[in-house]
Amino acid sequence: MTIAEGVYRIPAKHANTYLVEADNGLVLVDTGMPGSEKRILKAIASLGRKPSDVKLILLTHRHWDHIGSAAALKKESSGMLVSHGFEKPYVAGTLVVITPRAWSLYGRIARRVLALASSTKKLFRLVKYHPVLVDEASDEESILETAGLDGAIVWTPGHTKGSISLFLNKSRVAIIGDLLMNKRGKLREPLFMENTSQTMSSVQRILDLHPVILCPGHGKPLPPSKVRIKDRVTKPIKMEARREEDDIDLESLAKDLSAEAS
């Protein structure tokens, strides 16, 4: 699906990925769930391109539906793999992703379902994620020069601490990962956010760039006029119950899942 000149949406497994044509090749934004690589490679071929034309693979954040096929696509293309520095250990598999806090009843139900699935190992049997090393952090100024792309990588934390977006200067398209999601024709905050105030600030940071269209990780792209977010007030978290996601490793995750299952 063509979003703008040289910008294409590929609905991969459970999430969107995007292809951007640049002077020196292609930029791929996100990689979908594990097993999405065939669909993405087919889309590349439909543009008359080869996997080797992918010069840059940009991951908007650490979640499996966005990084799942990163290893396979990096192998096929040899493109430079880029994420924010905060997300690198999760992509590499040295830290394990857990679902951030939910800010609605539906989100809390979904989070509980994910936790139960993990505790019974059903999710791990269905989702075969292959860790991969990130080549460069997204704050390196010369990253986009590799592909000859006129744009900017914008740090947009909130959904996760290391979430990023890609803004294209010529088309004024913003590819925003899970900063916002398309819900019934409106762009709303995601179900899960690590920090609500950061999400609000990040949305405003993107809107201040005056994009023509916003491309979310879930649902069809929409213009900025469709943004509808609530000004949420974050409730204080008791210090004894608070855990930083950066401190969670495989051993502690197993203990958490066992506790939730009991």
C-alpha atoms as a PDB file:
ATOM      1  CA  MET A   1       0.000   0.000   0.000  1.00  0.00           C
ATOM      2  CA  THR A   2       1.471   3.334  -1.084  1.00  0.00           C
ATOM      3  CA  ILE A   3       1.364   6.000   1.654  1.00  0.00           C
ATOM      4  CA  ALA A   4       3.237   8.733  -0.195  1.00  0.00           C
ATOM      5  CA  GLU A   5       5.807   8.874  -2.956  1.00  0.00           C
ATOM      6  CA  GLY A   6       8.441   6.296  -2.045  1.00  0.00           C
ATOM      7  CA  VAL A   7       6.716   5.230   1.187  1.00  0.00           C
ATOM      8  CA  TYR A   8       4.919   1.877   1.431  1.00  0.00           C
ATOM      9  CA  ARG A   9       3.008   0.079   4.171  1.00  0.00           C
ATOM     10  CA  ILE A  10       3.346  -3.698   4.537  1.00  0.00           C
ATOM     11  CA  PRO A  11       0.835  -5.253   6.938  1.00  0.00           C
ATOM     12  CA  ALA A  12       3.067  -7.959   8.452  1.00  0.00           C
ATOM     13  CA  LYS A  13       2.020 -10.426  11.164  1.00  0.00           C
ATOM     14  CA  HIS A  14       0.169  -8.470  13.877  1.00  0.00           C
ATOM     15  CA  ALA A  15       1.860  -5.163  13.045  1.00  0.00           C
ATOM     16  CA  ASN A  16       2.733  -2.856  10.180  1.00  0.00           C
ATOM     17  CA  THR A  17       6.149  -2.554   8.657  1.00  0.00           C
ATOM     18  CA  TYR A  18       7.109   0.250   6.276  1.00  0.00           C
ATOM     19  CA  LEU A  19       9.467   0.525   3.317  1.00  0.00           C
ATOM     20  CA  VAL A  20      10.975   3.863   2.353  1.00  0.00           C
ATOM     21  CA  GLU A  21      12.850   4.483  -0.889  1.00  0.00           C
ATOM     22  CA  ALA A  22      16.017   6.522  -0.382  1.00  0.00           C
ATOM     23  CA  ASP A  23      18.834   7.700  -2.655  1.00  0.00           C
ATOM     24  CA  ASN A  24      21.112   4.752  -1.850  1.00  0.00           C
ATOM     25  CA  GLY A  25      18.553   1.998  -1.353  1.00  0.00           C
ATOM     26  CA  LEU A  26      15.678   1.076   0.921  1.00  0.00           C
ATOM     27  CA  VAL A  27      14.930   1.730   4.582  1.00  0.00           C
ATOM     28  CA  LEU A  28      12.796  -0.861   6.379  1.00  0.00           C
ATOM     29  CA  VAL A  29      10.994   0.300   9.504  1.00  0.00           C
ATOM     30  CA  ASP A  30      10.153  -2.600  11.843  1.00  0.00           C
ATOM     31  CA  THR A  31      10.054  -6.282  10.925  1.00  0.00           C
ATOM     32  CA  GLY A  32       6.805  -7.727  12.287  1.00  0.00           C
ATOM     33  CA  MET A  33       6.433 -10.922  14.295  1.00  0.00           C
ATOM     34  CA  PRO A  34       8.736 -13.904  13.689  1.00  0.00           C
ATOM     35  CA  GLY A  35       7.884 -15.401  10.317  1.00  0.00           C
ATOM     36  CA  SER A  36       7.042 -12.060   8.667  1.00  0.00           C
ATOM     37  CA  GLU A  37      10.187 -12.013   6.530  1.00  0.00           C
ATOM     38  CA  LYS A  38       8.636 -13.792   3.523  1.00  0.00           C
ATOM     39  CA  ARG A  39       5.874 -11.211   3.240  1.00  0.00           C
ATOM     40  CA  ILE A  40       8.358  -8.362   3.561  1.00  0.00           C
ATOM     41  CA  LEU A  41      10.760  -9.852   1.006  1.00  0.00           C
ATOM     42  CA  LYS A  42       7.834 -10.308  -1.390  1.00  0.00           C
ATOM     43  CA  ALA A  43       6.950  -6.625  -0.973  1.00  0.00           C
ATOM     44  CA  ILE A  44      10.556  -5.663  -1.703  1.00  0.00           C
ATOM     45  CA  ALA A  45      10.466  -7.765  -4.880  1.00  0.00           C
ATOM     46  CA  SER A  46       7.185  -6.122  -5.931  1.00  0.00           C
ATOM     47  CA  LEU A  47       9.048  -2.801  -6.057  1.00  0.00           C
ATOM     48  CA  GLY A  48      11.570  -4.339  -8.446  1.00  0.00           C
ATOM     49  CA  ARG A  49      14.168  -4.401  -5.691  1.00  0.00           C
ATOM     50  CA  LYS A  50      16.423  -7.031  -4.127  1.00  0.00           C
ATOM     51  CA  PRO A  51      16.969  -7.783  -0.435  1.00  0.00           C
ATOM     52  CA  SER A  52      20.461  -6.333  -0.786  1.00  0.00           C
ATOM     53  CA  ASP A  53      18.848  -2.965  -1.584  1.00  0.00           C
ATOM     54  CA  VAL A  54      17.798  -2.683   2.073  1.00  0.00           C
ATOM     55  CA  LYS A  55      20.530  -0.522   3.557  1.00  0.00           C
ATOM     56  CA  LEU A  56      18.919   0.222   6.894  1.00  0.00           C
ATOM     57  CA  ILE A  57      16.543  -1.699   9.196  1.00  0.00           C
ATOM     58  CA  LEU A  58      15.113   0.627  11.821  1.00  0.00           C
ATOM     59  CA  LEU A  59      13.344  -0.838  14.879  1.00  0.00           C
ATOM     60  CA  THR A  60      10.913   1.560  16.542  1.00  0.00           C
ATOM     61  CA  HIS A  61      10.930  -0.350  19.857  1.00  0.00           C
ATOM     62  CA  ARG A  62      11.649  -3.658  21.577  1.00  0.00           C
ATOM     63  CA  HIS A  63       8.370  -5.595  21.316  1.00  0.00           C
ATOM     64  CA  TRP A  64       8.229  -8.904  19.433  1.00  0.00           C
ATOM     65  CA  ASP A  65       5.618  -7.773  16.915  1.00  0.00           C
ATOM     66  CA  HIS A  66       8.117  -5.150  15.722  1.00  0.00           C
ATOM     67  CA  ILE A  67      11.488  -6.920  16.052  1.00  0.00           C
ATOM     68  CA  GLY A  68      10.410 -10.523  15.447  1.00  0.00           C
ATOM     69  CA  SER A  69      11.916 -10.970  11.973  1.00  0.00           C
ATOM     70  CA  ALA A  70      14.906  -8.673  12.453  1.00  0.00           C
ATOM     71  CA  ALA A  71      17.449 -11.498  12.515  1.00  0.00           C
ATOM     72  CA  ALA A  72      16.107 -13.110   9.330  1.00  0.00           C
ATOM     73  CA  LEU A  73      15.894  -9.833   7.428  1.00  0.00           C
ATOM     74  CA  LYS A  74      19.328  -8.691   8.526  1.00  0.00           C
ATOM     75  CA  LYS A  75      20.716 -11.996   7.253  1.00  0.00           C
ATOM     76  CA  GLU A  76      18.880 -11.704   3.926  1.00  0.00           C
ATOM     77  CA  SER A  77      19.771  -8.081   3.288  1.00  0.00           C
ATOM     78  CA  SER A  78      22.952  -7.368   5.271  1.00  0.00           C
ATOM     79  CA  GLY A  79      21.330  -4.018   6.064  1.00  0.00           C
ATOM     80  CA  MET A  80      22.452  -2.034   9.100  1.00  0.00           C
ATOM     81  CA  LEU A  81      20.213  -2.828  12.101  1.00  0.00           C
ATOM     82  CA  VAL A  82      19.395   0.208  14.240  1.00  0.00           C
ATOM     83  CA  SER A  83      17.451   0.782  17.451  1.00  0.00           C
ATOM     84  CA  HIS A  84      17.602   3.186  20.360  1.00  0.00           C
ATOM     85  CA  GLY A  85      20.323   2.304  22.846  1.00  0.00           C
ATOM     86  CA  PHE A  86      17.743   1.478  25.517  1.00  0.00           C
ATOM     87  CA  GLU A  87      16.256  -1.226  23.283  1.00  0.00           C
ATOM     88  CA  LYS A  88      19.486  -2.911  22.180  1.00  0.00           C
ATOM     89  CA  PRO A  89      19.742  -5.518  24.988  1.00  0.00           C
ATOM     90  CA  TYR A  90      16.159  -6.639  24.374  1.00  0.00           C
ATOM     91  CA  VAL A  91      16.765  -7.106  20.645  1.00  0.00           C
ATOM     92  CA  ALA A  92      19.931  -9.033  21.528  1.00  0.00           C
ATOM     93  CA  GLY A  93      18.007 -11.227  23.961  1.00  0.00           C
ATOM     94  CA  THR A  94      20.103 -10.335  27.008  1.00  0.00           C
ATOM     95  CA  LEU A  95      17.077  -8.725  28.648  1.00  0.00           C
ATOM     96  CA  VAL A  96      13.540 -10.072  28.355  1.00  0.00           C
ATOM     97  CA  VAL A  97      10.596  -7.915  27.367  1.00  0.00           C
ATOM     98  CA  ILE A  98       7.626  -7.733  29.707  1.00  0.00           C
ATOM     99  CA  THR A  99       4.375  -5.939  28.981  1.00  0.00           C
ATOM    100  CA  PRO A 100       4.297  -2.358  30.336  1.00  0.00           C
ATOM    101  CA  ARG A 101       1.512  -1.082  32.578  1.00  0.00           C
ATOM    102  CA  ALA A 102      -2.026  -0.998  31.163  1.00  0.00           C
ATOM    103  CA  TRP A 103      -4.113   2.180  31.301  1.00  0.00           C
ATOM    104  CA  SER A 104      -7.582   0.799  30.586  1.00  0.00           C
ATOM    105  CA  LEU A 105      -9.741  -2.153  31.609  1.00  0.00           C
ATOM    106  CA  TYR A 106      -9.256  -3.784  28.211  1.00  0.00           C
ATOM    107  CA  GLY A 107      -5.501  -3.262  28.500  1.00  0.00           C
ATOM    108  CA  ARG A 108      -5.401  -4.852  31.957  1.00  0.00           C
ATOM    109  CA  ILE A 109      -7.314  -7.865  30.687  1.00  0.00           C
ATOM    110  CA  ALA A 110      -4.961  -8.178  27.696  1.00  0.00           C
ATOM    111  CA  ARG A 111      -1.922  -7.894  29.963  1.00  0.00           C
ATOM    112  CA  ARG A 112      -3.229 -10.660  32.226  1.00  0.00           C
ATOM    113  CA  VAL A 113      -3.866 -12.922  29.242  1.00  0.00           C
ATOM    114  CA  LEU A 114      -0.302 -12.357  28.018  1.00  0.00           C
ATOM    115  CA  ALA A 115       1.076 -13.152  31.465  1.00  0.00           C
ATOM    116  CA  LEU A 116      -0.922 -16.378  31.716  1.00  0.00           C
ATOM    117  CA  ALA A 117       0.137 -17.431  28.229  1.00  0.00           C
ATOM    118  CA  SER A 118       3.751 -16.874  29.131  1.00  0.00           C
ATOM    119  CA  SER A 119       3.444 -18.780  32.404  1.00  0.00           C
ATOM    120  CA  THR A 120       2.202 -21.879  30.602  1.00  0.00           C
ATOM    121  CA  LYS A 121       4.894 -21.460  27.927  1.00  0.00           C
ATOM    122  CA  LYS A 122       2.264 -21.344  25.202  1.00  0.00           C
ATOM    123  CA  LEU A 123       3.560 -18.015  23.975  1.00  0.00           C
ATOM    124  CA  PHE A 124       7.150 -19.223  23.864  1.00  0.00           C
ATOM    125  CA  ARG A 125       6.161 -22.231  21.755  1.00  0.00           C
ATOM    126  CA  LEU A 126       4.277 -20.078  19.277  1.00  0.00           C
ATOM    127  CA  VAL A 127       6.697 -17.163  19.122  1.00  0.00           C
ATOM    128  CA  LYS A 128      10.195 -18.278  18.154  1.00  0.00           C
ATOM    129  CA  TYR A 129      12.168 -15.069  18.412  1.00  0.00           C
ATOM    130  CA  HIS A 130      15.792 -15.176  17.270  1.00  0.00           C
ATOM    131  CA  PRO A 131      17.950 -12.578  19.040  1.00  0.00           C
ATOM    132  CA  VAL A 132      20.205 -10.406  16.917  1.00  0.00           C
ATOM    133  CA  LEU A 133      22.824  -7.759  17.654  1.00  0.00           C
ATOM    134  CA  VAL A 134      21.960  -4.158  16.833  1.00  0.00           C
ATOM    135  CA  ASP A 135      24.655  -2.512  14.702  1.00  0.00           C
ATOM    136  CA  GLU A 136      24.157   1.117  15.662  1.00  0.00           C
ATOM    137  CA  ALA A 137      22.199   3.217  18.139  1.00  0.00           C
ATOM    138  CA  SER A 138      19.626   5.524  16.598  1.00  0.00           C
ATOM    139  CA  ASP A 139      21.122   8.695  18.083  1.00  0.00           C
ATOM    140  CA  GLU A 140      24.127   8.424  15.778  1.00  0.00           C
ATOM    141  CA  GLU A 141      23.691  11.462  13.509  1.00  0.00           C
ATOM    142  CA  SER A 142      25.034   9.812  10.359  1.00  0.00           C
ATOM    143  CA  ILE A 143      22.621   6.830  10.440  1.00  0.00           C
ATOM    144  CA  LEU A 144      20.270   8.077   7.716  1.00  0.00           C
ATOM    145  CA  GLU A 145      23.182   9.107   5.497  1.00  0.00           C
ATOM    146  CA  THR A 146      23.922   5.404   4.982  1.00  0.00           C
ATOM    147  CA  ALA A 147      20.762   5.096   2.928  1.00  0.00           C
ATOM    148  CA  GLY A 148      20.780   8.654   1.617  1.00  0.00           C
ATOM    149  CA  LEU A 149      17.504   9.452   3.364  1.00  0.00           C
ATOM    150  CA  ASP A 150      16.391  13.025   4.042  1.00  0.00           C
ATOM    151  CA  GLY A 151      14.718  12.793   7.413  1.00  0.00           C
ATOM    152  CA  ALA A 152      15.200  12.493  11.145  1.00  0.00           C
ATOM    153  CA  ILE A 153      15.050   9.762  13.768  1.00  0.00           C
ATOM    154  CA  VAL A 154      13.066  11.202  16.668  1.00  0.00           C
ATOM    155  CA  TRP A 155      13.213   9.824  20.203  1.00  0.00           C
ATOM    156  CA  THR A 156       9.567   9.327  21.221  1.00  0.00           C
ATOM    157  CA  PRO A 157       9.517   7.508  24.601  1.00  0.00           C
ATOM    158  CA  GLY A 158       6.338   6.581  26.416  1.00  0.00           C
ATOM    159  CA  HIS A 159       5.240   3.208  25.113  1.00  0.00           C
ATOM    160  CA  THR A 160       8.782   2.090  25.923  1.00  0.00           C
ATOM    161  CA  LYS A 161      11.759   4.092  27.139  1.00  0.00           C
ATOM    162  CA  GLY A 162      13.607   3.650  23.852  1.00  0.00           C
ATOM    163  CA  SER A 163      10.783   4.131  21.357  1.00  0.00           C
ATOM    164  CA  ILE A 164      11.695   6.093  18.239  1.00  0.00           C
ATOM    165  CA  SER A 165       9.908   7.463  15.176  1.00  0.00           C
ATOM    166  CA  LEU A 166      11.070   8.254  11.655  1.00  0.00           C
ATOM    167  CA  PHE A 167      10.138  11.607  10.113  1.00  0.00           C
ATOM    168  CA  LEU A 168      10.588  12.078   6.372  1.00  0.00           C
ATOM    169  CA  ASN A 169      11.238  15.684   5.358  1.00  0.00           C
ATOM    170  CA  LYS A 170      10.132  15.514   1.720  1.00  0.00           C
ATOM    171  CA  SER A 171       6.815  13.705   2.141  1.00  0.00           C
ATOM    172  CA  ARG A 172       6.263  14.885   5.734  1.00  0.00           C
ATOM    173  CA  VAL A 173       5.353  11.342   6.722  1.00  0.00           C
ATOM    174  CA  ALA A 174       5.925  10.242  10.325  1.00  0.00           C
ATOM    175  CA  ILE A 175       6.329   6.511  11.011  1.00  0.00           C
ATOM    176  CA  ILE A 176       5.604   6.283  14.713  1.00  0.00           C
ATOM    177  CA  GLY A 177       5.636   2.626  15.825  1.00  0.00           C
ATOM    178  CA  ASP A 178       3.349   2.217  18.845  1.00  0.00           C
ATOM    179  CA  LEU A 179       3.403   5.840  19.938  1.00  0.00           C
ATOM    180  CA  LEU A 180      -0.237   5.886  18.800  1.00  0.00           C
ATOM    181  CA  MET A 181      -2.566   3.206  17.462  1.00  0.00           C
ATOM    182  CA  ASN A 182      -5.436   3.356  14.981  1.00  0.00           C
ATOM    183  CA  LYS A 183      -8.586   2.507  16.897  1.00  0.00           C
ATOM    184  CA  ARG A 184     -11.879   2.847  15.014  1.00  0.00           C
ATOM    185  CA  GLY A 185     -10.512   5.539  12.720  1.00  0.00           C
ATOM    186  CA  LYS A 186      -8.844   7.612  15.448  1.00  0.00           C
ATOM    187  CA  LEU A 187      -5.224   7.727  16.567  1.00  0.00           C
ATOM    188  CA  ARG A 188      -5.195   6.961  20.278  1.00  0.00           C
ATOM    189  CA  GLU A 189      -2.602   6.170  22.913  1.00  0.00           C
ATOM    190  CA  PRO A 190      -1.538   2.497  23.058  1.00  0.00           C
ATOM    191  CA  LEU A 191      -2.975   0.024  25.549  1.00  0.00           C
ATOM    192  CA  PHE A 192       0.379  -0.273  27.311  1.00  0.00           C
ATOM    193  CA  MET A 193       2.664   2.603  28.266  1.00  0.00           C
ATOM    194  CA  GLU A 194       5.701   2.724  30.493  1.00  0.00           C
ATOM    195  CA  ASN A 195       5.200   6.441  31.021  1.00  0.00           C
ATOM    196  CA  THR A 196       2.033   8.363  30.143  1.00  0.00           C
ATOM    197  CA  SER A 197       3.505  11.854  30.447  1.00  0.00           C
ATOM    198  CA  GLN A 198       6.338  10.904  28.104  1.00  0.00           C
ATOM    199  CA  THR A 199       3.792   9.596  25.609  1.00  0.00           C
ATOM    200  CA  MET A 200       1.947  12.934  25.641  1.00  0.00           C
ATOM    201  CA  SER A 201       5.211  14.843  25.195  1.00  0.00           C
ATOM    202  CA  SER A 202       6.332  12.538  22.389  1.00  0.00           C
ATOM    203  CA  VAL A 203       3.050  12.917  20.522  1.00  0.00           C
ATOM    204  CA  GLN A 204       3.408  16.689  20.737  1.00  0.00           C
ATOM    205  CA  ARG A 205       7.021  16.447  19.554  1.00  0.00           C
ATOM    206  CA  ILE A 206       5.850  14.651  16.420  1.00  0.00           C
ATOM    207  CA  LEU A 207       2.919  17.021  15.838  1.00  0.00           C
ATOM    208  CA  ASP A 208       5.291  20.000  16.111  1.00  0.00           C
ATOM    209  CA  LEU A 209       7.024  18.675  12.973  1.00  0.00           C
ATOM    210  CA  HIS A 210       3.731  19.261  11.080  1.00  0.00           C
ATOM    211  CA  PRO A 211       3.405  15.839   9.482  1.00  0.00           C
ATOM    212  CA  VAL A 212       0.882  15.264   6.717  1.00  0.00           C
ATOM    213  CA  ILE A 213       0.218  11.687   7.776  1.00  0.00           C
ATOM    214  CA  LEU A 214       1.035   9.497  10.772  1.00  0.00           C
ATOM    215  CA  CYS A 215       1.879   5.828  10.193  1.00  0.00           C
ATOM    216  CA  PRO A 216       1.238   3.703  13.300  1.00  0.00           C
ATOM    217  CA  GLY A 217       2.410   0.193  13.995  1.00  0.00           C
ATOM    218  CA  HIS A 218      -1.180  -0.998  14.191  1.00  0.00           C
ATOM    219  CA  GLY A 219      -3.936   0.048  11.818  1.00  0.00           C
ATOM    220  CA  LYS A 220      -4.011   2.267   8.761  1.00  0.00           C
ATOM    221  CA  PRO A 221      -2.141   5.597   8.548  1.00  0.00           C
ATOM    222  CA  LEU A 222      -4.195   8.695   9.352  1.00  0.00           C
ATOM    223  CA  PRO A 223      -3.712  12.481   9.283  1.00  0.00           C
ATOM    224  CA  PRO A 224      -2.810  14.352  12.503  1.00  0.00           C
ATOM    225  CA  SER A 225      -6.384  15.673  12.726  1.00  0.00           C
ATOM    226  CA  LYS A 226      -7.388  12.146  13.823  1.00  0.00           C
ATOM    227  CA  VAL A 227      -5.254  12.210  16.983  1.00  0.00           C
ATOM    228  CA  ARG A 228      -7.421  11.744  20.070  1.00  0.00           C
ATOM    229  CA  ILE A 229      -5.545  11.172  23.330  1.00  0.00           C
ATOM    230  CA  LYS A 230      -6.537  11.636  26.953  1.00  0.00           C
ATOM    231  CA  ASP A 231      -4.553  13.803  29.324  1.00  0.00           C
ATOM    232  CA  ARG A 232      -3.950  11.051  31.850  1.00  0.00           C
ATOM    233  CA  VAL A 233      -2.574  11.631  35.331  1.00  0.00           C
ATOM    234  CA  THR A 234      -0.142   8.946  36.390  1.00  0.00           C
ATOM    235  CA  LYS A 235      -0.898   7.546  39.843  1.00  0.00           C
ATOM    236  CA  PRO A 236       2.093   7.257  42.186  1.00  0.00           C
ATOM    237  CA  ILE A 237       3.625   3.793  42.311  1.00  0.00           C
ATOM    238  CA  LYS A 238       4.617   2.411  45.698  1.00  0.00           C
ATOM    239  CA  MET A 239       8.378   2.145  45.781  1.00  0.00           C
ATOM    240  CA  GLU A 240       8.380  -1.366  47.208  1.00  0.00           C
ATOM    241  CA  ALA A 241       6.186  -2.588  44.329  1.00  0.00           C
ATOM    242  CA  ARG A 242       8.045  -0.768  41.581  1.00  0.00           C
ATOM    243  CA  ARG A 243      10.517  -2.586  39.338  1.00  0.00           C
ATOM    244  CA  GLU A 244      12.455  -1.123  36.505  1.00  0.00           C
ATOM    245  CA  GLU A 245      12.153  -3.140  33.289  1.00  0.00           C
ATOM    246  CA  ASP A 246      15.869  -2.782  32.709  1.00  0.00           C
ATOM    247  CA  ASP A 247      16.479  -4.956  35.800  1.00  0.00           C
ATOM    248  CA  ILE A 248      14.457  -7.928  34.573  1.00  0.00           C
ATOM    249  CA  ASP A 249      16.377 -10.911  33.280  1.00  0.00           C
ATOM    250  CA  LEU A 250      15.395 -14.478  32.453  1.00  0.00           C
ATOM    251  CA  GLU A 251      15.672 -15.733  36.019  1.00  0.00           C
ATOM    252  CA  SER A 252      13.563 -12.995  37.578  1.00  0.00           C
ATOM    253  CA  LEU A 253      11.008 -13.232  34.770  1.00  0.00           C
ATOM    254  CA  ALA A 254      10.544 -16.937  35.469  1.00  0.00           C
ATOM    255  CA  LYS A 255       9.907 -16.158  39.134  1.00  0.00           C
ATOM    256  CA  ASP A 256       7.370 -13.455  38.241  1.00  0.00           C
ATOM    257  CA  LEU A 257       5.501 -15.736  35.864  1.00  0.00           C
ATOM    258  CA  SER A 258       5.392 -18.556  38.405  1.00  0.00           C
ATOM    259  CA  ALA A 259       3.979 -16.166  40.998  1.00  0.00           C
ATOM    260  CA  GLU A 260       1.267 -14.945  38.618  1.00  0.00           C
ATOM    261  CA  ALA A 261       0.287 -18.493  37.691  1.00  0.00           C
ATOM    262  CA  SER A 262      -0.128 -19.579  41.330  1.00  0.00           C
END
